[in-house]
Amino acid sequence: MEVRSKEDLIRYFVDGAKPRSKWRVGTEYESVVVSTRTGAALPYSGLQGVEGMLRTLAERFGYEVAEEEGRVLALVGPRSSITLEPGAQVELSGEQCETIHCAHREFAEFVQRLTEVARQFDATLIGLGMQPVSKLEQIELIPKARYHIMFPYMARKGRLGQRMMKQTAGVQANLDYSNEADAMRKLRLSAGLVPLLYAIFANSPLSDGGLNGYQSFRGHIWLETDPDRCGVPEFLFRDGASFEDYTDYALDVPMYFLVRDHRYIDLTQPPGLTFRQFLRNGWNGERATLGDWGTHLTTIFTEVRLKRYIEIRCADSQPPSLILALPALLKGVLCDPDAMEAAWDLVKHWSFEQRLALTDMAHKVGLETRVGRTRLRDLAGELLEIGAASLARAGALNERGEDESVYVYPMLELVRSGRNQAMLTVERWKGRWNYQVNRMLRDCSYEADPSFVNAS
C-alpha cells in the first residue's frame, strides 16, 4: 500500500492498539553458540556450522526452512521462529503469550531441542551477553543480504557497530498498548528505566578472551554504534509526546535499504536518504509503502522502540533460569497502572543528562552506580519488588499453583545480595575459573542448568 502522507505513517501506530483483553507478551532470546572445546564462535558455514544445526533441527522437529539464495537463515514453527543474528547467534522469536508460564514452556522446549542438536556439532550454548573468546575478524558474517548492507555502514557510523552485529546477545520483551496515550506512557516509563535495567541485567564482562572492564560491554557497544538510530530519544520524556513525535523522529533516520521483489537495494551510500526524503520525493521511481515503513522501523535501534507494539531492548542475555525475568518484570510493571506509577516514582526526577550519565555508568559498574546518595542496587530491588507484587496480584497460575512472580524472584534475590550476573562472572573468572576458558564454558553452558534444560 502506497503511503501518501505522514498521517498514513501515524495511523500505522494507531492501528497497532489492542484492547486489554488481547494484550500479550512476546520475548526474543539471543543465544551465543560456541565450540565446546575452545569457546570460539561456531561458524555459520561448514559441516559443523550453525547452518548445519538449523538443518538438523528442521529435520528432527518439523520446522519449515526459510532460505535466502539457497542458504538456511531461519526456521519457522507453528507459533514461533528461530532466526540468526549477524554473527550466527541463534535467536528464538517467541510466540505472543498471555502469561509468562506460556513463554517458559516455549523457551524450555527451545533449549531442550537446541542443546540436543548442539551436542552433535560439538557446540555449546552459553548464558552470556557477548561472545567471550572470538575477536570480530574471527567471526563469520552470515550470508543475509540486509546484514551485508549494514555491516560496512556500521564501520562508517560508529566505532563498535560491527561488534554489536557479530558479538552481542540480548533478551527483548514486546508488549501491547491500548491507545496512543497508553503507548507513550509505556515508552516514557521504559525509557526512564533503562539505567536500572542495564544494572540488573548486565552480563557481558568477557570478550576477546578476557575481561573488558565493563559489566555490560554490550550496552556500551550500543552507545558506539550509530548516533542516528540508537540511545534514548529525549522527546519521549516530554509531556504530551505523541505518535506524531515518534513518526517525526523515525522519518529523519537514514534508511539502510529498500526491499523489492525479495531483493535488498542498498541505500547507504552517501549522502544517504532519510525516510522523510523518500516519502516526499521517492527514489529511482519507487514510492514509499507501509511495508517500507514497517521495515524501516526495524532498523531503529533505540533502547525502547515503537512498532505496532513496544519493544524493550536493553537487557543482556542471561542464563536460562534468569532469562524470563525480563519479560516477567516488564509485564508486571507495564500492564498494571499502579505498578507503572510506582515504577515511575523511582526515576521521574532525573534530568535527561542524568539519565544518559547513569546509563553510561551502569554499563561500567552496574548496581553500584550512584545517583546522589542512592545506589541503583536499591532502586533495582524496589523495581523488582514492584513487578513481582503486580504479577502476584494478577494471579495467573501454572500447573504447580505458582503465579508469574516466580520468574522475578531469582533475580530479586540476586540483586538483594548486591550482585548481578556480570559480577558473578567476574568473580568466578578471577577465582574458581582461574582465567581458564574451559572452566568458564562448563559453568556458563545452558546444560549447567539441568533443571531448566530438562523441564517439560
Foldseek 3Di string as FASTA:
>chain_A
DFDQDLVVVLVQQQVLADPLVPKFKWKKWWWFKAQLVALHGAACDDCLGLQVLVVVLCVVPPWDFDDDPPGTAKTHDPFWIWGAFFLRTIMIGGGGHPAVVVVLVVVLVVLLSSVVSNVVSNMFIFQFFWSFADDLVRGHGDPDVLVVLVQVLQVVAFDQQSRLRNIGIFMKMWIHHRGWVLQLLLLLLLLLCLLLQLLLQQGHQGHNLGGDQWSRVSLVSQVGGHVLFEERDPLSLDPPDTSSNLSVSQQARFAQFDADPNDTGGQSDPPTDGNVNCQVPNDPPHHDDVVRVQVSQVVRHYCWGDGSIIMHIRHGGGQSLQRSQVNLLSCLQSVDVVSVVVSCVLRVPDDPVRSVVSNVVCRRNRQQRDDVPDTSLVSSLVSLVSSLVSQVVVLDQDPVSDTSNVNSVVSSVQSVVVDHNSVVLVCCCVPVCVSPPSVVSCCRGSVVCVVSNPDD
